[in-house]
Every structure is written in C-alpha cells, then in structure tokens.
Amino acid sequence: QFEEERWNCRLLDGATKDENILETILQQGTKEIAFIHAITSASLAHSITSSCSAGLLLECSCDRSVQSIVSTDSSWRWGGCSDNVQYAIKYSKIITDGGNKQKDGKKAALMERVRSVVHLHNNDVGRKTFHSLMTHKCRCHGVSGSCAVRSCWRSLPRFRQVGDQLKFKYLDSVEISPSLQLADSNSVSVASGQKSQWRSIPQPASDTDLIFLDKSPNYCRPDRKRGVQGTRDRNCQPDTDKPNNCKHLCCGRGYRTRVIEVDEACECQFMWCCSIQCKICKKVQVVHTC
C-alpha cells in the first residue's frame, strides 16, 4: 500500500533489532504509527483465524456456532467450516492490547495515558475492519447440479483487501486534541467501547476512524530517533502522476539515472513431468534513483 510513498511502511534499518528504539517509535502518535497498530492487530486476527480453520491450533477449530442459526431464506442453510473470527479477535486483542493497558494516573504521565488510549483505539479499528470484510461463500446442492439448496459459511477476506481498507482509513485519519478528562479517567477508553473524551480537529472521530495526536515527521531525510529512513537511494519514476514520481519522492533534491543489466527468466518451457525450465536472459533497464 505504501511502496510508492515517501513513508513506505519501513522502519529504519536496525530499528527492529533495538528494542528501545522500536518501543520509542511505536509510542509515537502519528497517523503512520496509527496505521501500523491497526494493520498489526488485523494481521494477527487474520492469521489466527486462518490457523484455526486449518486445524493448526489445538484451542480452536471451525466456528460451528453459526450452524445453529436459522436462515430466513429457505434456499440456503449454514454449513461448511466457517472461519472462527470471534476466537481470533479475542486473542488478537489480548496480545496487541496487553502492552497498552492504562496505568495508575498518579504514576503515569498525562500524555503516556493519552497515547495508550489512542493505540488501543487504533488496534480496535484494525480488528473491526478485518471483521467487517468477512464474506459468505456458498456451495450448491441439488439434482443434476441444480442449486435448489445452498450451504453457506463465513470466509476470510484476502488480507490485501484489509490492507487496502486500512490505507483508505489512514488517508482519512482524524487528528485529535485530547482533553484532560481523557487522561485522568480510568473509565474512559474508546477501545473498550466507552464514550471518548477527546476533541477532534476539525471533524469528529468515530469508532472506526484511525486517530492520531502528532504531526508526521519529514520523511524526506533520515531520523534515527523516529525510525525514518529518508528517501535517498529510493527508485523513482520521472514521468508519472503517482506518489513515486521523482520530483515528489526525492523532495526536490534531484535524481540520478543509470542503465543496468538484470537477469530475467525467459523462453520458459513445460517439461514432462513435471517442471518448468527457463533460460536466463540479460535485460537492460533504465533506473532512476533519488
């Protein structure tokens, strides 16, 4: 979703190996970190659901509970192996929200508590987005292939769909200005479904909006403390309307053009039985780099 953007969803090289740097980065309140929290939570729920249905986890399997629900349409009934999304969401929440529990107000700094609530909210948005994209799949039953009766079950969306939907939410994310009541009250938490006590700028935030506190840094230049790689050495395209056009991606610093040779599979043939054999051909490419 972000491979052509100045911020390409990558942390600074080495940041993931340094726990202190990584923790500092993930505690930021920018809309990019909001996206990371949401997609991490959604990804975990998606992975657990898939593993349950495949029988890879002892604690869960298919969701058979929907089969007891009576359909109002007599042409189909619940059947098959519905993906166990409720179990996945429950355990995704335990894992992703565990590090963001609100602390005692006497011991925790005001903004630390506010950021905790924001991260919990964005985790929840990720799970809700994943859940909302669950689909129904059906199989026909009938004489001579007719579809007199169908068995239907709930099925996972492709994770690319979840990522695309969260990208839209990132683009429409809402900046919020927290009130003191938000940080001072243990009872206030959007992630737990309770009423929010923040003020959004300029439009109100809903429980399905990604929210953020801090302005995004300048992603043009590297900043180790904030996990920013910068755009130097990124490939760009000089003639495109996309975000990876050289003028935008290189932040006005200019770009260099090189002609390189790359190896590429060519003249591929199917060989009996059963493999595909290819030759390796040289291909000339023009590469533009910030």
C-alpha atoms as a PDB file:
ATOM      1  CA  GLN A   1       0.000   0.000   0.000  1.00  0.00           C
ATOM      2  CA  PHE A   2       2.857   2.405   0.705  1.00  0.00           C
ATOM      3  CA  GLU A   3       5.677   1.201  -1.543  1.00  0.00           C
ATOM      4  CA  GLU A   4       5.452   4.329  -3.735  1.00  0.00           C
ATOM      5  CA  GLU A   5       5.077   6.831  -0.858  1.00  0.00           C
ATOM      6  CA  ARG A   6       7.746   8.854   0.953  1.00  0.00           C
ATOM      7  CA  TRP A   7       6.881   6.782   4.016  1.00  0.00           C
ATOM      8  CA  ASN A   8       6.947   3.231   2.673  1.00  0.00           C
ATOM      9  CA  CYS A   9       5.948   1.455   5.893  1.00  0.00           C
ATOM     10  CA  ARG A  10       9.538   0.517   6.673  1.00  0.00           C
ATOM     11  CA  LEU A  11      11.384   1.353   9.855  1.00  0.00           C
ATOM     12  CA  LEU A  12      14.981   2.495   9.893  1.00  0.00           C
ATOM     13  CA  ASP A  13      17.393  -0.408   9.275  1.00  0.00           C
ATOM     14  CA  GLY A  14      18.327  -1.939  12.599  1.00  0.00           C
ATOM     15  CA  ALA A  15      15.419  -0.370  14.485  1.00  0.00           C
ATOM     16  CA  THR A  16      13.566  -3.679  14.760  1.00  0.00           C
ATOM     17  CA  LYS A  17      16.644  -5.217  16.428  1.00  0.00           C
ATOM     18  CA  ASP A  18      16.919  -2.485  19.045  1.00  0.00           C
ATOM     19  CA  GLU A  19      14.012  -2.850  21.471  1.00  0.00           C
ATOM     20  CA  ASN A  20      14.477   0.645  22.925  1.00  0.00           C
ATOM     21  CA  ILE A  21      14.353   2.322  19.505  1.00  0.00           C
ATOM     22  CA  LEU A  22      11.437   0.172  18.375  1.00  0.00           C
ATOM     23  CA  GLU A  23       9.416   0.915  21.517  1.00  0.00           C
ATOM     24  CA  THR A  24      10.069   4.653  21.139  1.00  0.00           C
ATOM     25  CA  ILE A  25       8.953   4.573  17.503  1.00  0.00           C
ATOM     26  CA  LEU A  26       5.749   2.643  18.207  1.00  0.00           C
ATOM     27  CA  GLN A  27       4.777   5.018  21.026  1.00  0.00           C
ATOM     28  CA  GLN A  28       4.630   7.971  18.651  1.00  0.00           C
ATOM     29  CA  GLY A  29       1.209   9.417  17.925  1.00  0.00           C
ATOM     30  CA  THR A  30       1.460   9.994  14.158  1.00  0.00           C
ATOM     31  CA  LYS A  31      -1.042   8.686  11.620  1.00  0.00           C
ATOM     32  CA  GLU A  32       1.636   6.343  10.243  1.00  0.00           C
ATOM     33  CA  ILE A  33       2.011   4.688  13.643  1.00  0.00           C
ATOM     34  CA  ALA A  34      -1.802   4.553  13.850  1.00  0.00           C
ATOM     35  CA  PHE A  35      -1.769   2.542  10.611  1.00  0.00           C
ATOM     36  CA  ILE A  36       0.944   0.209  11.951  1.00  0.00           C
ATOM     37  CA  HIS A  37      -1.069  -0.501  15.116  1.00  0.00           C
ATOM     38  CA  ALA A  38      -4.236  -1.149  13.103  1.00  0.00           C
ATOM     39  CA  ILE A  39      -2.717  -3.401  10.465  1.00  0.00           C
ATOM     40  CA  THR A  40      -0.705  -5.363  13.059  1.00  0.00           C
ATOM     41  CA  SER A  41      -3.867  -6.063  15.044  1.00  0.00           C
ATOM     42  CA  ALA A  42      -5.809  -7.006  11.894  1.00  0.00           C
ATOM     43  CA  SER A  43      -2.965  -9.194  10.624  1.00  0.00           C
ATOM     44  CA  LEU A  44      -2.804 -11.135  13.876  1.00  0.00           C
ATOM     45  CA  ALA A  45      -6.574 -11.725  13.862  1.00  0.00           C
ATOM     46  CA  HIS A  46      -6.414 -12.833  10.216  1.00  0.00           C
ATOM     47  CA  SER A  47      -3.535 -15.237  10.898  1.00  0.00           C
ATOM     48  CA  ILE A  48      -5.190 -16.793  13.975  1.00  0.00           C
ATOM     49  CA  THR A  49      -8.487 -17.236  12.104  1.00  0.00           C
ATOM     50  CA  SER A  50      -6.728 -18.970   9.214  1.00  0.00           C
ATOM     51  CA  SER A  51      -4.807 -21.260  11.575  1.00  0.00           C
ATOM     52  CA  CYS A  52      -7.998 -22.209  13.429  1.00  0.00           C
ATOM     53  CA  SER A  53      -9.777 -23.240  10.224  1.00  0.00           C
ATOM     54  CA  ALA A  54      -6.728 -25.208   9.052  1.00  0.00           C
ATOM     55  CA  GLY A  55      -6.625 -27.151  12.337  1.00  0.00           C
ATOM     56  CA  LEU A  56      -3.188 -25.830  13.274  1.00  0.00           C
ATOM     57  CA  LEU A  57      -4.214 -24.681  16.765  1.00  0.00           C
ATOM     58  CA  LEU A  58      -5.405 -27.083  19.456  1.00  0.00           C
ATOM     59  CA  GLU A  59      -7.512 -24.430  21.210  1.00  0.00           C
ATOM     60  CA  CYS A  60      -9.814 -23.692  18.274  1.00  0.00           C
ATOM     61  CA  SER A  61     -11.239 -25.043  15.023  1.00  0.00           C
ATOM     62  CA  CYS A  62     -14.085 -24.071  12.702  1.00  0.00           C
ATOM     63  CA  ASP A  63     -16.857 -21.856  14.030  1.00  0.00           C
ATOM     64  CA  ARG A  64     -19.818 -24.253  14.253  1.00  0.00           C
ATOM     65  CA  SER A  65     -21.988 -21.830  16.222  1.00  0.00           C
ATOM     66  CA  VAL A  66     -23.470 -20.243  13.085  1.00  0.00           C
ATOM     67  CA  GLN A  67     -24.900 -23.599  12.017  1.00  0.00           C
ATOM     68  CA  SER A  68     -27.497 -23.340  14.786  1.00  0.00           C
ATOM     69  CA  ILE A  69     -28.748 -20.039  13.334  1.00  0.00           C
ATOM     70  CA  VAL A  70     -31.889 -20.499  11.254  1.00  0.00           C
ATOM     71  CA  SER A  71     -31.774 -18.698   7.910  1.00  0.00           C
ATOM     72  CA  THR A  72     -34.795 -16.607   6.888  1.00  0.00           C
ATOM     73  CA  ASP A  73     -34.168 -17.701   3.294  1.00  0.00           C
ATOM     74  CA  SER A  74     -35.159 -21.350   2.739  1.00  0.00           C
ATOM     75  CA  SER A  75     -32.920 -21.604  -0.334  1.00  0.00           C
ATOM     76  CA  TRP A  76     -29.789 -21.837   1.785  1.00  0.00           C
ATOM     77  CA  ARG A  77     -28.566 -23.069   5.180  1.00  0.00           C
ATOM     78  CA  TRP A  78     -25.452 -22.622   7.279  1.00  0.00           C
ATOM     79  CA  GLY A  79     -22.866 -25.363   6.763  1.00  0.00           C
ATOM     80  CA  GLY A  80     -19.230 -25.998   5.951  1.00  0.00           C
ATOM     81  CA  CYS A  81     -16.327 -24.709   8.006  1.00  0.00           C
ATOM     82  CA  SER A  82     -16.932 -21.092   8.976  1.00  0.00           C
ATOM     83  CA  ASP A  83     -13.765 -19.238   9.928  1.00  0.00           C
ATOM     84  CA  ASN A  84     -13.593 -18.764  13.707  1.00  0.00           C
ATOM     85  CA  VAL A  85     -13.249 -14.996  13.705  1.00  0.00           C
ATOM     86  CA  GLN A  86     -14.550 -14.421  17.252  1.00  0.00           C
ATOM     87  CA  TYR A  87     -11.807 -16.556  18.788  1.00  0.00           C
ATOM     88  CA  ALA A  88      -9.193 -14.792  16.664  1.00  0.00           C
ATOM     89  CA  ILE A  89     -10.374 -11.308  17.607  1.00  0.00           C
ATOM     90  CA  LYS A  90     -10.425 -12.244  21.297  1.00  0.00           C
ATOM     91  CA  TYR A  91      -6.808 -13.443  21.317  1.00  0.00           C
ATOM     92  CA  SER A  92      -5.570 -10.751  18.970  1.00  0.00           C
ATOM     93  CA  LYS A  93      -6.893  -8.229  21.491  1.00  0.00           C
ATOM     94  CA  ILE A  94      -5.103  -9.949  24.378  1.00  0.00           C
ATOM     95  CA  ILE A  95      -1.777  -9.878  22.515  1.00  0.00           C
ATOM     96  CA  THR A  96      -1.863  -6.435  20.901  1.00  0.00           C
ATOM     97  CA  ASP A  97      -3.590  -4.540  23.707  1.00  0.00           C
ATOM     98  CA  GLY A  98      -1.575  -6.062  26.546  1.00  0.00           C
ATOM     99  CA  GLY A  99       1.247  -3.532  26.306  1.00  0.00           C
ATOM    100  CA  ASN A 100      -1.101  -0.551  26.239  1.00  0.00           C
ATOM    101  CA  LYS A 101      -3.060  -1.031  29.451  1.00  0.00           C
ATOM    102  CA  GLN A 102      -3.800   2.259  31.138  1.00  0.00           C
ATOM    103  CA  LYS A 103      -1.678   2.795  34.225  1.00  0.00           C
ATOM    104  CA  ASP A 104      -2.457   4.444  37.520  1.00  0.00           C
ATOM    105  CA  GLY A 105      -2.862   8.166  36.907  1.00  0.00           C
ATOM    106  CA  LYS A 106      -0.613   9.024  39.875  1.00  0.00           C
ATOM    107  CA  LYS A 107       2.307   7.172  38.340  1.00  0.00           C
ATOM    108  CA  ALA A 108       1.837   7.640  34.625  1.00  0.00           C
ATOM    109  CA  ALA A 109       2.472  10.843  32.738  1.00  0.00           C
ATOM    110  CA  LEU A 110      -0.555  12.532  31.224  1.00  0.00           C
ATOM    111  CA  MET A 111       0.454  12.087  27.577  1.00  0.00           C
ATOM    112  CA  GLU A 112       1.535   8.493  28.183  1.00  0.00           C
ATOM    113  CA  ARG A 113      -2.016   7.677  29.241  1.00  0.00           C
ATOM    114  CA  VAL A 114      -3.470   9.553  26.280  1.00  0.00           C
ATOM    115  CA  ARG A 115      -1.226   7.710  23.827  1.00  0.00           C
ATOM    116  CA  SER A 116      -2.213   4.405  25.402  1.00  0.00           C
ATOM    117  CA  VAL A 117      -5.894   5.120  24.735  1.00  0.00           C
ATOM    118  CA  VAL A 118      -5.133   6.183  21.154  1.00  0.00           C
ATOM    119  CA  HIS A 119      -3.155   2.993  20.456  1.00  0.00           C
ATOM    120  CA  LEU A 120      -5.932   0.838  21.938  1.00  0.00           C
ATOM    121  CA  HIS A 121      -8.443   2.621  19.720  1.00  0.00           C
ATOM    122  CA  ASN A 122      -6.388   2.059  16.560  1.00  0.00           C
ATOM    123  CA  ASN A 123      -5.823  -1.601  17.463  1.00  0.00           C
ATOM    124  CA  ASP A 124      -9.591  -1.938  17.697  1.00  0.00           C
ATOM    125  CA  VAL A 125     -10.115  -0.223  14.330  1.00  0.00           C
ATOM    126  CA  GLY A 126      -7.836  -2.837  12.747  1.00  0.00           C
ATOM    127  CA  ARG A 127      -9.859  -5.718  14.192  1.00  0.00           C
ATOM    128  CA  LYS A 128     -13.192  -4.124  13.254  1.00  0.00           C
ATOM    129  CA  THR A 129     -12.009  -3.532   9.693  1.00  0.00           C
ATOM    130  CA  PHE A 130     -10.926  -7.164   9.369  1.00  0.00           C
ATOM    131  CA  HIS A 131     -14.243  -8.393  10.820  1.00  0.00           C
ATOM    132  CA  SER A 132     -16.326  -6.162   8.543  1.00  0.00           C
ATOM    133  CA  LEU A 133     -14.732  -7.699   5.439  1.00  0.00           C
ATOM    134  CA  MET A 134     -15.685 -11.293   6.272  1.00  0.00           C
ATOM    135  CA  THR A 135     -17.623 -12.783   3.354  1.00  0.00           C
ATOM    136  CA  HIS A 136     -20.177 -15.549   2.789  1.00  0.00           C
ATOM    137  CA  LYS A 137     -19.270 -18.415   0.468  1.00  0.00           C
ATOM    138  CA  CYS A 138     -21.827 -20.968  -0.670  1.00  0.00           C
ATOM    139  CA  ARG A 139     -21.951 -24.404  -2.297  1.00  0.00           C
ATOM    140  CA  CYS A 140     -24.923 -25.661  -4.292  1.00  0.00           C
ATOM    141  CA  HIS A 141     -26.764 -28.939  -3.598  1.00  0.00           C
ATOM    142  CA  GLY A 142     -29.382 -30.324  -5.939  1.00  0.00           C
ATOM    143  CA  VAL A 143     -30.255 -32.850  -8.617  1.00  0.00           C
ATOM    144  CA  SER A 144     -28.107 -32.644 -11.777  1.00  0.00           C
ATOM    145  CA  GLY A 145     -26.141 -29.706 -10.476  1.00  0.00           C
ATOM    146  CA  SER A 146     -29.132 -27.510  -9.718  1.00  0.00           C
ATOM    147  CA  CYS A 147     -28.913 -25.031  -6.873  1.00  0.00           C
ATOM    148  CA  ALA A 148     -32.134 -25.892  -5.046  1.00  0.00           C
ATOM    149  CA  VAL A 149     -30.340 -25.637  -1.701  1.00  0.00           C
ATOM    150  CA  ARG A 150     -27.060 -23.958  -0.782  1.00  0.00           C
ATOM    151  CA  SER A 151     -24.765 -24.495   2.184  1.00  0.00           C
ATOM    152  CA  CYS A 152     -23.019 -21.277   3.191  1.00  0.00           C
ATOM    153  CA  TRP A 153     -20.216 -20.393   5.540  1.00  0.00           C
ATOM    154  CA  ARG A 154     -18.239 -17.351   6.640  1.00  0.00           C
ATOM    155  CA  SER A 155     -14.892 -16.938   4.959  1.00  0.00           C
ATOM    156  CA  LEU A 156     -11.787 -14.793   5.410  1.00  0.00           C
ATOM    157  CA  PRO A 157     -11.172 -11.844   3.104  1.00  0.00           C
ATOM    158  CA  ARG A 158      -7.859 -11.658   1.283  1.00  0.00           C
ATOM    159  CA  PHE A 159      -5.530  -9.712   3.548  1.00  0.00           C
ATOM    160  CA  ARG A 160      -4.774  -7.350   0.679  1.00  0.00           C
ATOM    161  CA  GLN A 161      -8.397  -6.182   0.993  1.00  0.00           C
ATOM    162  CA  VAL A 162      -7.891  -5.463   4.687  1.00  0.00           C
ATOM    163  CA  GLY A 163      -4.707  -3.537   3.962  1.00  0.00           C
ATOM    164  CA  ASP A 164      -6.373  -1.503   1.220  1.00  0.00           C
ATOM    165  CA  GLN A 165      -9.270  -0.602   3.514  1.00  0.00           C
ATOM    166  CA  LEU A 166      -6.887   0.483   6.275  1.00  0.00           C
ATOM    167  CA  LYS A 167      -4.949   2.578   3.739  1.00  0.00           C
ATOM    168  CA  PHE A 168      -8.198   4.455   2.996  1.00  0.00           C
ATOM    169  CA  LYS A 169      -8.684   4.965   6.731  1.00  0.00           C
ATOM    170  CA  TYR A 170      -5.095   6.215   7.007  1.00  0.00           C
ATOM    171  CA  LEU A 171      -5.770   8.807   4.302  1.00  0.00           C
ATOM    172  CA  ASP A 172      -8.917   9.918   6.169  1.00  0.00           C
ATOM    173  CA  SER A 173      -7.430   9.635   9.670  1.00  0.00           C
ATOM    174  CA  VAL A 174      -8.575  12.198  12.213  1.00  0.00           C
ATOM    175  CA  GLU A 175      -6.270  14.402  14.268  1.00  0.00           C
ATOM    176  CA  ILE A 176      -7.445  14.627  17.856  1.00  0.00           C
ATOM    177  CA  SER A 177      -6.713  17.004  20.698  1.00  0.00           C
ATOM    178  CA  PRO A 178      -7.165  15.146  23.998  1.00  0.00           C
ATOM    179  CA  SER A 179      -8.895  16.728  26.944  1.00  0.00           C
ATOM    180  CA  LEU A 180      -7.546  16.326  30.454  1.00  0.00           C
ATOM    181  CA  GLN A 181     -10.561  14.197  31.310  1.00  0.00           C
ATOM    182  CA  LEU A 182      -9.428  11.538  28.852  1.00  0.00           C
ATOM    183  CA  ALA A 183      -6.082  11.050  30.571  1.00  0.00           C
ATOM    184  CA  ASP A 184      -7.378  11.429  34.127  1.00  0.00           C
ATOM    185  CA  SER A 185     -10.239   8.943  33.952  1.00  0.00           C
ATOM    186  CA  ASN A 186      -9.688   5.191  34.112  1.00  0.00           C
ATOM    187  CA  SER A 187     -13.227   4.667  32.848  1.00  0.00           C
ATOM    188  CA  VAL A 188     -12.699   6.420  29.521  1.00  0.00           C
ATOM    189  CA  SER A 189     -11.491   4.210  26.695  1.00  0.00           C
ATOM    190  CA  VAL A 190     -12.704   4.157  23.128  1.00  0.00           C
ATOM    191  CA  ALA A 191     -11.118   0.761  22.623  1.00  0.00           C
ATOM    192  CA  SER A 192     -13.389  -0.733  25.276  1.00  0.00           C
ATOM    193  CA  GLY A 193     -16.473   0.779  23.699  1.00  0.00           C
ATOM    194  CA  GLN A 194     -16.932   3.637  26.158  1.00  0.00           C
ATOM    195  CA  LYS A 195     -17.531   7.264  25.290  1.00  0.00           C
ATOM    196  CA  SER A 196     -14.492   9.223  24.174  1.00  0.00           C
ATOM    197  CA  GLN A 197     -13.435  12.435  25.883  1.00  0.00           C
ATOM    198  CA  TRP A 198     -11.347  13.970  23.156  1.00  0.00           C
ATOM    199  CA  ARG A 199     -11.837  16.830  20.766  1.00  0.00           C
ATOM    200  CA  SER A 200     -11.089  16.140  17.115  1.00  0.00           C
ATOM    201  CA  ILE A 201      -9.670  18.613  14.612  1.00  0.00           C
ATOM    202  CA  PRO A 202     -11.644  19.526  12.562  1.00  0.00           C
ATOM    203  CA  GLN A 203     -14.285  16.763  12.236  1.00  0.00           C
ATOM    204  CA  PRO A 204     -15.439  14.309  14.946  1.00  0.00           C
ATOM    205  CA  ALA A 205     -13.856  10.860  15.047  1.00  0.00           C
ATOM    206  CA  SER A 206     -15.936   7.679  15.035  1.00  0.00           C
ATOM    207  CA  ASP A 207     -15.032   4.294  16.495  1.00  0.00           C
ATOM    208  CA  THR A 208     -13.995   3.120  13.006  1.00  0.00           C
ATOM    209  CA  ASP A 209     -11.674   6.068  12.254  1.00  0.00           C
ATOM    210  CA  LEU A 210      -7.932   5.934  12.711  1.00  0.00           C
ATOM    211  CA  ILE A 211      -6.882   8.754  15.017  1.00  0.00           C
ATOM    212  CA  PHE A 212      -3.568  10.452  15.710  1.00  0.00           C
ATOM    213  CA  LEU A 213      -2.076  13.041  18.076  1.00  0.00           C
ATOM    214  CA  ASP A 214       1.171  14.176  16.461  1.00  0.00           C
ATOM    215  CA  LYS A 215       2.072  15.714  13.136  1.00  0.00           C
ATOM    216  CA  SER A 216       4.051  13.396  10.854  1.00  0.00           C
ATOM    217  CA  PRO A 217       7.811  13.997  10.656  1.00  0.00           C
ATOM    218  CA  ASN A 218       9.629  14.964   7.478  1.00  0.00           C
ATOM    219  CA  TYR A 219      10.073  11.621   5.721  1.00  0.00           C
ATOM    220  CA  CYS A 220      12.477  13.111   3.178  1.00  0.00           C
ATOM    221  CA  ARG A 221      15.521  12.872   5.461  1.00  0.00           C
ATOM    222  CA  PRO A 222      16.616  10.088   7.845  1.00  0.00           C
ATOM    223  CA  ASP A 223      15.849  10.466  11.535  1.00  0.00           C
ATOM    224  CA  ARG A 224      17.046   7.523  13.636  1.00  0.00           C
ATOM    225  CA  LYS A 225      15.161   8.555  16.771  1.00  0.00           C
ATOM    226  CA  ARG A 226      11.854   8.447  14.890  1.00  0.00           C
ATOM    227  CA  GLY A 227      12.679   5.430  12.723  1.00  0.00           C
ATOM    228  CA  VAL A 228      12.662   7.447   9.486  1.00  0.00           C
ATOM    229  CA  GLN A 229      14.816   6.121   6.639  1.00  0.00           C
ATOM    230  CA  GLY A 230      14.531   9.097   4.315  1.00  0.00           C
ATOM    231  CA  THR A 231      14.101   8.763   0.554  1.00  0.00           C
ATOM    232  CA  ARG A 232      17.747   8.770  -0.534  1.00  0.00           C
ATOM    233  CA  ASP A 233      18.537   5.803  -2.854  1.00  0.00           C
ATOM    234  CA  ARG A 234      14.840   5.100  -3.423  1.00  0.00           C
ATOM    235  CA  ASN A 235      13.842   4.269  -7.017  1.00  0.00           C
ATOM    236  CA  CYS A 236      11.524   6.790  -8.655  1.00  0.00           C
ATOM    237  CA  GLN A 237       9.773   7.441 -11.967  1.00  0.00           C
ATOM    238  CA  PRO A 238      10.242  10.814 -13.702  1.00  0.00           C
ATOM    239  CA  ASP A 239       7.075  10.633 -15.825  1.00  0.00           C
ATOM    240  CA  THR A 240       4.199   9.512 -13.636  1.00  0.00           C
ATOM    241  CA  ASP A 241       1.331  11.010 -11.671  1.00  0.00           C
ATOM    242  CA  LYS A 242       1.846   8.515  -8.840  1.00  0.00           C
ATOM    243  CA  PRO A 243       3.469   9.400  -5.487  1.00  0.00           C
ATOM    244  CA  ASN A 244       6.752   7.820  -6.646  1.00  0.00           C
ATOM    245  CA  ASN A 245       7.367  10.496  -9.259  1.00  0.00           C
ATOM    246  CA  CYS A 246      10.931  11.742  -8.864  1.00  0.00           C
ATOM    247  CA  LYS A 247      10.058  15.347  -8.081  1.00  0.00           C
ATOM    248  CA  HIS A 248       7.844  14.338  -5.142  1.00  0.00           C
ATOM    249  CA  LEU A 249       9.684  11.285  -3.833  1.00  0.00           C
ATOM    250  CA  CYS A 250      13.116  12.908  -3.983  1.00  0.00           C
ATOM    251  CA  CYS A 251      11.820  16.021  -2.199  1.00  0.00           C
ATOM    252  CA  GLY A 252      13.324  18.392  -4.755  1.00  0.00           C
ATOM    253  CA  ARG A 253      16.872  17.043  -4.282  1.00  0.00           C
ATOM    254  CA  GLY A 254      17.076  15.691  -7.831  1.00  0.00           C
ATOM    255  CA  TYR A 255      17.785  12.142  -9.008  1.00  0.00           C
ATOM    256  CA  ARG A 256      20.378  10.181 -10.944  1.00  0.00           C
ATOM    257  CA  THR A 257      19.751   7.898 -13.924  1.00  0.00           C
ATOM    258  CA  ARG A 258      21.622   4.646 -14.566  1.00  0.00           C
ATOM    259  CA  VAL A 259      21.437   1.916 -17.202  1.00  0.00           C
ATOM    260  CA  ILE A 260      21.825  -1.528 -15.643  1.00  0.00           C
ATOM    261  CA  GLU A 261      21.635  -5.160 -16.744  1.00  0.00           C
ATOM    262  CA  VAL A 262      19.453  -7.594 -14.847  1.00  0.00           C
ATOM    263  CA  ASP A 263      18.964 -11.348 -15.138  1.00  0.00           C
ATOM    264  CA  GLU A 264      15.476 -12.417 -16.128  1.00  0.00           C
ATOM    265  CA  ALA A 265      13.847 -15.796 -16.792  1.00  0.00           C
ATOM    266  CA  CYS A 266      12.935 -16.229 -20.473  1.00  0.00           C
ATOM    267  CA  GLU A 267      11.943 -18.853 -23.060  1.00  0.00           C
ATOM    268  CA  CYS A 268      10.289 -20.964 -20.367  1.00  0.00           C
ATOM    269  CA  GLN A 269       9.033 -24.435 -21.324  1.00  0.00           C
ATOM    270  CA  PHE A 270       6.958 -27.060 -19.548  1.00  0.00           C
ATOM    271  CA  MET A 271       8.926 -30.313 -19.244  1.00  0.00           C
ATOM    272  CA  TRP A 272       7.201 -33.698 -18.776  1.00  0.00           C
ATOM    273  CA  CYS A 273       6.832 -34.400 -15.978  1.00  0.00           C
ATOM    274  CA  CYS A 274       6.517 -32.017 -14.122  1.00  0.00           C
ATOM    275  CA  SER A 275       8.679 -28.934 -14.165  1.00  0.00           C
ATOM    276  CA  ILE A 276       9.218 -25.648 -15.945  1.00  0.00           C
ATOM    277  CA  GLN A 277      12.661 -24.892 -17.312  1.00  0.00           C
ATOM    278  CA  CYS A 278      13.764 -21.400 -18.299  1.00  0.00           C
ATOM    279  CA  LYS A 279      16.792 -19.737 -19.775  1.00  0.00           C
ATOM    280  CA  ILE A 280      18.362 -16.733 -18.092  1.00  0.00           C
ATOM    281  CA  CYS A 281      18.426 -13.673 -20.315  1.00  0.00           C
ATOM    282  CA  LYS A 282      20.048 -10.293 -19.829  1.00  0.00           C
ATOM    283  CA  LYS A 283      17.692  -7.319 -19.870  1.00  0.00           C
ATOM    284  CA  VAL A 284      18.669  -3.669 -19.970  1.00  0.00           C
ATOM    285  CA  GLN A 285      16.806  -1.384 -17.559  1.00  0.00           C
ATOM    286  CA  VAL A 286      16.885   2.363 -17.002  1.00  0.00           C
ATOM    287  CA  VAL A 287      16.771   3.098 -13.259  1.00  0.00           C
ATOM    288  CA  HIS A 288      16.141   6.486 -11.653  1.00  0.00           C
ATOM    289  CA  THR A 289      17.297   6.880  -8.035  1.00  0.00           C
ATOM    290  CA  CYS A 290      16.900   9.741  -5.552  1.00  0.00           C
END
